[in-house]
Amino acid sequence: MDLKSKLEPVKDYFREVYHEGKRVTWPSRKDAVKGTYIVLITVIISALFLGVVDIGLAKIIQTLIR
């Protein structure tokens, strides 16, 4: 088995990946920006909630230890 025949499956794989990428329906810029804002807002709200819970639990534990 020579090198060319070993590389043929690799070339086929990347050719198929390229053609599959052409068939993907990509979101519009407006949809991508809207999705990004939703993710950022969700992350900020989650971080604030977890921060408040963490501070509250820390105060409770400090009170119990004293």
PDB file of N, CA and C in Angstrom:
ATOM      1  N   MET A   1       0.856  -1.182   0.000  1.00  0.00           N
ATOM      2  CA  MET A   1       0.000   0.000   0.000  1.00  0.00           C
ATOM      3  C   MET A   1       0.897   1.239   0.000  1.00  0.00           C
ATOM      4  N   ASP A   2       0.736   2.072  -0.984  1.00  0.00           N
ATOM      5  CA  ASP A   2       1.580   3.260  -1.079  1.00  0.00           C
ATOM      6  C   ASP A   2       0.927   4.449  -0.366  1.00  0.00           C
ATOM      7  N   LEU A   3       1.685   5.511  -0.258  1.00  0.00           N
ATOM      8  CA  LEU A   3       1.246   6.700   0.483  1.00  0.00           C
ATOM      9  C   LEU A   3       0.000   7.321  -0.129  1.00  0.00           C
ATOM     10  N   LYS A   4      -0.083   7.330  -1.451  1.00  0.00           N
ATOM     11  CA  LYS A   4      -1.229   7.957  -2.130  1.00  0.00           C
ATOM     12  C   LYS A   4      -2.536   7.248  -1.773  1.00  0.00           C
ATOM     13  N   SER A   5      -2.508   5.937  -1.718  1.00  0.00           N
ATOM     14  CA  SER A   5      -3.735   5.199  -1.398  1.00  0.00           C
ATOM     15  C   SER A   5      -4.102   5.346   0.073  1.00  0.00           C
ATOM     16  N   LYS A   6      -3.117   5.605   0.938  1.00  0.00           N
ATOM     17  CA  LYS A   6      -3.408   5.827   2.357  1.00  0.00           C
ATOM     18  C   LYS A   6      -4.018   7.208   2.598  1.00  0.00           C
ATOM     19  N   LEU A   7      -3.623   8.184   1.784  1.00  0.00           N
ATOM     20  CA  LEU A   7      -4.128   9.544   1.954  1.00  0.00           C
ATOM     21  C   LEU A   7      -5.492   9.765   1.307  1.00  0.00           C
ATOM     22  N   GLU A   8      -5.890   8.873   0.419  1.00  0.00           N
ATOM     23  CA  GLU A   8      -7.161   9.048  -0.293  1.00  0.00           C
ATOM     24  C   GLU A   8      -8.368   9.111   0.652  1.00  0.00           C
ATOM     25  N   PRO A   9      -8.477   8.230   1.669  1.00  0.00           N
ATOM     26  CA  PRO A   9      -9.620   8.349   2.593  1.00  0.00           C
ATOM     27  C   PRO A   9      -9.632   9.676   3.366  1.00  0.00           C
ATOM     28  N   VAL A  10      -8.466  10.200   3.686  1.00  0.00           N
ATOM     29  CA  VAL A  10      -8.375  11.474   4.396  1.00  0.00           C
ATOM     30  C   VAL A  10      -8.875  12.597   3.490  1.00  0.00           C
ATOM     31  N   LYS A  11      -8.459  12.576   2.228  1.00  0.00           N
ATOM     32  CA  LYS A  11      -8.919  13.579   1.273  1.00  0.00           C
ATOM     33  C   LYS A  11     -10.428  13.482   1.080  1.00  0.00           C
ATOM     34  N   ASP A  12     -10.945  12.258   0.989  1.00  0.00           N
ATOM     35  CA  ASP A  12     -12.393  12.071   0.842  1.00  0.00           C
ATOM     36  C   ASP A  12     -13.137  12.636   2.038  1.00  0.00           C
ATOM     37  N   TYR A  13     -12.614  12.389   3.228  1.00  0.00           N
ATOM     38  CA  TYR A  13     -13.255  12.888   4.448  1.00  0.00           C
ATOM     39  C   TYR A  13     -13.359  14.416   4.417  1.00  0.00           C
ATOM     40  N   PHE A  14     -12.265  15.105   4.130  1.00  0.00           N
ATOM     41  CA  PHE A  14     -12.285  16.566   4.118  1.00  0.00           C
ATOM     42  C   PHE A  14     -13.138  17.111   2.973  1.00  0.00           C
ATOM     43  N   ARG A  15     -13.190  16.414   1.871  1.00  0.00           N
ATOM     44  CA  ARG A  15     -14.050  16.822   0.762  1.00  0.00           C
ATOM     45  C   ARG A  15     -15.516  16.736   1.199  1.00  0.00           C
ATOM     46  N   GLU A  16     -15.888  15.663   1.891  1.00  0.00           N
ATOM     47  CA  GLU A  16     -17.261  15.506   2.383  1.00  0.00           C
ATOM     48  C   GLU A  16     -17.595  16.566   3.434  1.00  0.00           C
ATOM     49  N   VAL A  17     -16.643  16.872   4.310  1.00  0.00           N
ATOM     50  CA  VAL A  17     -16.870  17.911   5.317  1.00  0.00           C
ATOM     51  C   VAL A  17     -17.118  19.252   4.638  1.00  0.00           C
ATOM     52  N   TYR A  18     -16.355  19.553   3.618  1.00  0.00           N
ATOM     53  CA  TYR A  18     -16.509  20.810   2.883  1.00  0.00           C
ATOM     54  C   TYR A  18     -17.897  20.890   2.247  1.00  0.00           C
ATOM     55  N   HIS A  19     -18.317  19.826   1.594  1.00  0.00           N
ATOM     56  CA  HIS A  19     -19.624  19.833   0.938  1.00  0.00           C
ATOM     57  C   HIS A  19     -20.760  19.888   1.961  1.00  0.00           C
ATOM     58  N   GLU A  20     -20.593  19.233   3.092  1.00  0.00           N
ATOM     59  CA  GLU A  20     -21.610  19.290   4.140  1.00  0.00           C
ATOM     60  C   GLU A  20     -21.719  20.710   4.694  1.00  0.00           C
ATOM     61  N   GLY A  21     -20.596  21.396   4.849  1.00  0.00           N
ATOM     62  CA  GLY A  21     -20.593  22.779   5.317  1.00  0.00           C
ATOM     63  C   GLY A  21     -21.328  23.709   4.364  1.00  0.00           C
ATOM     64  N   LYS A  22     -21.289  23.403   3.081  1.00  0.00           N
ATOM     65  CA  LYS A  22     -22.004  24.206   2.087  1.00  0.00           C
ATOM     66  C   LYS A  22     -23.518  24.067   2.242  1.00  0.00           C
ATOM     67  N   ARG A  23     -23.972  22.912   2.751  1.00  0.00           N
ATOM     68  CA  ARG A  23     -25.416  22.665   2.868  1.00  0.00           C
ATOM     69  C   ARG A  23     -26.002  23.200   4.173  1.00  0.00           C
ATOM     70  N   VAL A  24     -25.168  23.631   5.091  1.00  0.00           N
ATOM     71  CA  VAL A  24     -25.648  24.130   6.377  1.00  0.00           C
ATOM     72  C   VAL A  24     -26.379  25.452   6.166  1.00  0.00           C
ATOM     73  N   THR A  25     -27.503  25.618   6.848  1.00  0.00           N
ATOM     74  CA  THR A  25     -28.230  26.879   6.812  1.00  0.00           C
ATOM     75  C   THR A  25     -27.723  27.737   7.971  1.00  0.00           C
ATOM     76  N   TRP A  26     -26.925  28.739   7.665  1.00  0.00           N
ATOM     77  CA  TRP A  26     -26.331  29.579   8.693  1.00  0.00           C
ATOM     78  C   TRP A  26     -27.318  30.665   9.107  1.00  0.00           C
ATOM     79  N   PRO A  27     -27.311  31.049  10.399  1.00  0.00           N
ATOM     80  CA  PRO A  27     -28.228  32.109  10.831  1.00  0.00           C
ATOM     81  C   PRO A  27     -27.800  33.457  10.253  1.00  0.00           C
ATOM     82  N   SER A  28     -28.776  34.339  10.141  1.00  0.00           N
ATOM     83  CA  SER A  28     -28.464  35.687   9.662  1.00  0.00           C
ATOM     84  C   SER A  28     -27.694  36.432  10.762  1.00  0.00           C
ATOM     85  N   ARG A  29     -27.097  37.539  10.401  1.00  0.00           N
ATOM     86  CA  ARG A  29     -26.349  38.336  11.380  1.00  0.00           C
ATOM     87  C   ARG A  29     -27.282  38.796  12.503  1.00  0.00           C
ATOM     88  N   LYS A  30     -28.504  39.197  12.142  1.00  0.00           N
ATOM     89  CA  LYS A  30     -29.475  39.670  13.125  1.00  0.00           C
ATOM     90  C   LYS A  30     -29.808  38.549  14.122  1.00  0.00           C
ATOM     91  N   ASP A  31     -30.037  37.337  13.633  1.00  0.00           N
ATOM     92  CA  ASP A  31     -30.341  36.211  14.511  1.00  0.00           C
ATOM     93  C   ASP A  31     -29.159  35.857  15.406  1.00  0.00           C
ATOM     94  N   ALA A  32     -27.950  35.913  14.856  1.00  0.00           N
ATOM     95  CA  ALA A  32     -26.758  35.596  15.643  1.00  0.00           C
ATOM     96  C   ALA A  32     -26.553  36.615  16.769  1.00  0.00           C
ATOM     97  N   VAL A  33     -26.754  37.893  16.460  1.00  0.00           N
ATOM     98  CA  VAL A  33     -26.601  38.944  17.471  1.00  0.00           C
ATOM     99  C   VAL A  33     -27.672  38.791  18.550  1.00  0.00           C
ATOM    100  N   LYS A  34     -28.918  38.518  18.137  1.00  0.00           N
ATOM    101  CA  LYS A  34     -30.005  38.336  19.097  1.00  0.00           C
ATOM    102  C   LYS A  34     -29.711  37.145  20.018  1.00  0.00           C
ATOM    103  N   GLY A  35     -29.238  36.043  19.446  1.00  0.00           N
ATOM    104  CA  GLY A  35     -28.891  34.868  20.246  1.00  0.00           C
ATOM    105  C   GLY A  35     -27.752  35.154  21.216  1.00  0.00           C
ATOM    106  N   THR A  36     -26.777  35.946  20.781  1.00  0.00           N
ATOM    107  CA  THR A  36     -25.662  36.315  21.647  1.00  0.00           C
ATOM    108  C   THR A  36     -26.139  37.142  22.829  1.00  0.00           C
ATOM    109  N   TYR A  37     -27.040  38.093  22.575  1.00  0.00           N
ATOM    110  CA  TYR A  37     -27.586  38.907  23.672  1.00  0.00           C
ATOM    111  C   TYR A  37     -28.346  38.039  24.672  1.00  0.00           C
ATOM    112  N   ILE A  38     -29.120  37.105  24.175  1.00  0.00           N
ATOM    113  CA  ILE A  38     -29.875  36.222  25.066  1.00  0.00           C
ATOM    114  C   ILE A  38     -28.929  35.421  25.954  1.00  0.00           C
ATOM    115  N   VAL A  39     -27.866  34.897  25.364  1.00  0.00           N
ATOM    116  CA  VAL A  39     -26.892  34.121  26.137  1.00  0.00           C
ATOM    117  C   VAL A  39     -26.212  35.002  27.181  1.00  0.00           C
ATOM    118  N   LEU A  40     -25.784  36.203  26.798  1.00  0.00           N
ATOM    119  CA  LEU A  40     -25.107  37.101  27.736  1.00  0.00           C
ATOM    120  C   LEU A  40     -26.019  37.497  28.897  1.00  0.00           C
ATOM    121  N   ILE A  41     -27.273  37.817  28.595  1.00  0.00           N
ATOM    122  CA  ILE A  41     -28.212  38.194  29.656  1.00  0.00           C
ATOM    123  C   ILE A  41     -28.451  37.014  30.596  1.00  0.00           C
ATOM    124  N   THR A  42     -28.607  35.827  30.041  1.00  0.00           N
ATOM    125  CA  THR A  42     -28.812  34.627  30.862  1.00  0.00           C
ATOM    126  C   THR A  42     -27.609  34.363  31.757  1.00  0.00           C
ATOM    127  N   VAL A  43     -26.412  34.510  31.237  1.00  0.00           N
ATOM    128  CA  VAL A  43     -25.197  34.289  32.025  1.00  0.00           C
ATOM    129  C   VAL A  43     -25.093  35.319  33.145  1.00  0.00           C
ATOM    130  N   ILE A  44     -25.381  36.577  32.850  1.00  0.00           N
ATOM    131  CA  ILE A  44     -25.293  37.631  33.876  1.00  0.00           C
ATOM    132  C   ILE A  44     -26.311  37.392  34.984  1.00  0.00           C
ATOM    133  N   ILE A  45     -27.550  37.058  34.610  1.00  0.00           N
ATOM    134  CA  ILE A  45     -28.576  36.796  35.623  1.00  0.00           C
ATOM    135  C   ILE A  45     -28.191  35.588  36.478  1.00  0.00           C
ATOM    136  N   SER A  46     -27.700  34.533  35.844  1.00  0.00           N
ATOM    137  CA  SER A  46     -27.282  33.340  36.587  1.00  0.00           C
ATOM    138  C   SER A  46     -26.124  33.658  37.534  1.00  0.00           C
ATOM    139  N   ALA A  47     -25.162  34.446  37.066  1.00  0.00           N
ATOM    140  CA  ALA A  47     -24.011  34.804  37.902  1.00  0.00           C
ATOM    141  C   ALA A  47     -24.455  35.631  39.105  1.00  0.00           C
ATOM    142  N   LEU A  48     -25.355  36.575  38.878  1.00  0.00           N
ATOM    143  CA  LEU A  48     -25.852  37.389  39.993  1.00  0.00           C
ATOM    144  C   LEU A  48     -26.606  36.528  41.005  1.00  0.00           C
ATOM    145  N   PHE A  49     -27.461  35.649  40.519  1.00  0.00           N
ATOM    146  CA  PHE A  49     -28.218  34.770  41.406  1.00  0.00           C
ATOM    147  C   PHE A  49     -27.279  33.891  42.233  1.00  0.00           C
ATOM    148  N   LEU A  50     -26.314  33.249  41.561  1.00  0.00           N
ATOM    149  CA  LEU A  50     -25.389  32.375  42.279  1.00  0.00           C
ATOM    150  C   LEU A  50     -24.515  33.166  43.249  1.00  0.00           C
ATOM    151  N   GLY A  51     -24.157  34.394  42.890  1.00  0.00           N
ATOM    152  CA  GLY A  51     -23.372  35.238  43.789  1.00  0.00           C
ATOM    153  C   GLY A  51     -24.147  35.566  45.052  1.00  0.00           C
ATOM    154  N   VAL A  52     -25.424  35.924  44.895  1.00  0.00           N
ATOM    155  CA  VAL A  52     -26.266  36.233  46.050  1.00  0.00           C
ATOM    156  C   VAL A  52     -26.449  34.999  46.931  1.00  0.00           C
ATOM    157  N   VAL A  53     -26.699  33.852  46.316  1.00  0.00           N
ATOM    158  CA  VAL A  53     -26.846  32.607  47.084  1.00  0.00           C
ATOM    159  C   VAL A  53     -25.551  32.280  47.824  1.00  0.00           C
ATOM    160  N   ASP A  54     -24.416  32.453  47.165  1.00  0.00           N
ATOM    161  CA  ASP A  54     -23.118  32.171  47.788  1.00  0.00           C
ATOM    162  C   ASP A  54     -22.885  33.075  48.993  1.00  0.00           C
ATOM    163  N   ILE A  55     -23.151  34.361  48.833  1.00  0.00           N
ATOM    164  CA  ILE A  55     -22.969  35.305  49.944  1.00  0.00           C
ATOM    165  C   ILE A  55     -23.908  34.948  51.099  1.00  0.00           C
ATOM    166  N   GLY A  56     -25.168  34.633  50.769  1.00  0.00           N
ATOM    167  CA  GLY A  56     -26.128  34.259  51.803  1.00  0.00           C
ATOM    168  C   GLY A  56     -25.711  33.008  52.563  1.00  0.00           C
ATOM    169  N   LEU A  57     -25.279  31.991  51.851  1.00  0.00           N
ATOM    170  CA  LEU A  57     -24.841  30.763  52.514  1.00  0.00           C
ATOM    171  C   LEU A  57     -23.575  30.996  53.346  1.00  0.00           C
ATOM    172  N   ALA A  58     -22.678  31.842  52.861  1.00  0.00           N
ATOM    173  CA  ALA A  58     -21.474  32.153  53.615  1.00  0.00           C
ATOM    174  C   ALA A  58     -21.833  32.843  54.937  1.00  0.00           C
ATOM    175  N   LYS A  59     -22.796  33.767  54.886  1.00  0.00           N
ATOM    176  CA  LYS A  59     -23.228  34.455  56.122  1.00  0.00           C
ATOM    177  C   LYS A  59     -23.871  33.463  57.091  1.00  0.00           C
ATOM    178  N   ILE A  60     -24.694  32.561  56.571  1.00  0.00           N
ATOM    179  CA  ILE A  60     -25.335  31.553  57.427  1.00  0.00           C
ATOM    180  C   ILE A  60     -24.283  30.670  58.086  1.00  0.00           C
ATOM    181  N   ILE A  61     -23.299  30.235  57.330  1.00  0.00           N
ATOM    182  CA  ILE A  61     -22.249  29.365  57.879  1.00  0.00           C
ATOM    183  C   ILE A  61     -21.428  30.128  58.912  1.00  0.00           C
ATOM    184  N   GLN A  62     -21.111  31.403  58.647  1.00  0.00           N
ATOM    185  CA  GLN A  62     -20.370  32.202  59.621  1.00  0.00           C
ATOM    186  C   GLN A  62     -21.166  32.343  60.921  1.00  0.00           C
ATOM    187  N   THR A  63     -22.462  32.532  60.804  1.00  0.00           N
ATOM    188  CA  THR A  63     -23.307  32.658  61.999  1.00  0.00           C
ATOM    189  C   THR A  63     -23.320  31.352  62.776  1.00  0.00           C
ATOM    190  N   LEU A  64     -23.393  30.235  62.103  1.00  0.00           N
ATOM    191  CA  LEU A  64     -23.420  28.935  62.770  1.00  0.00           C
ATOM    192  C   LEU A  64     -22.089  28.592  63.452  1.00  0.00           C
ATOM    193  N   ILE A  65     -20.996  29.032  62.843  1.00  0.00           N
ATOM    194  CA  ILE A  65     -19.665  28.722  63.401  1.00  0.00           C
ATOM    195  C   ILE A  65     -19.403  29.522  64.675  1.00  0.00           C
ATOM    196  N   ARG A  66     -19.887  30.741  64.746  1.00  0.00           N
ATOM    197  CA  ARG A  66     -19.659  31.580  65.920  1.00  0.00           C
ATOM    198  C   ARG A  66     -20.330  31.065  67.130  1.00  0.00           C
TER     199      ARG A  66
END
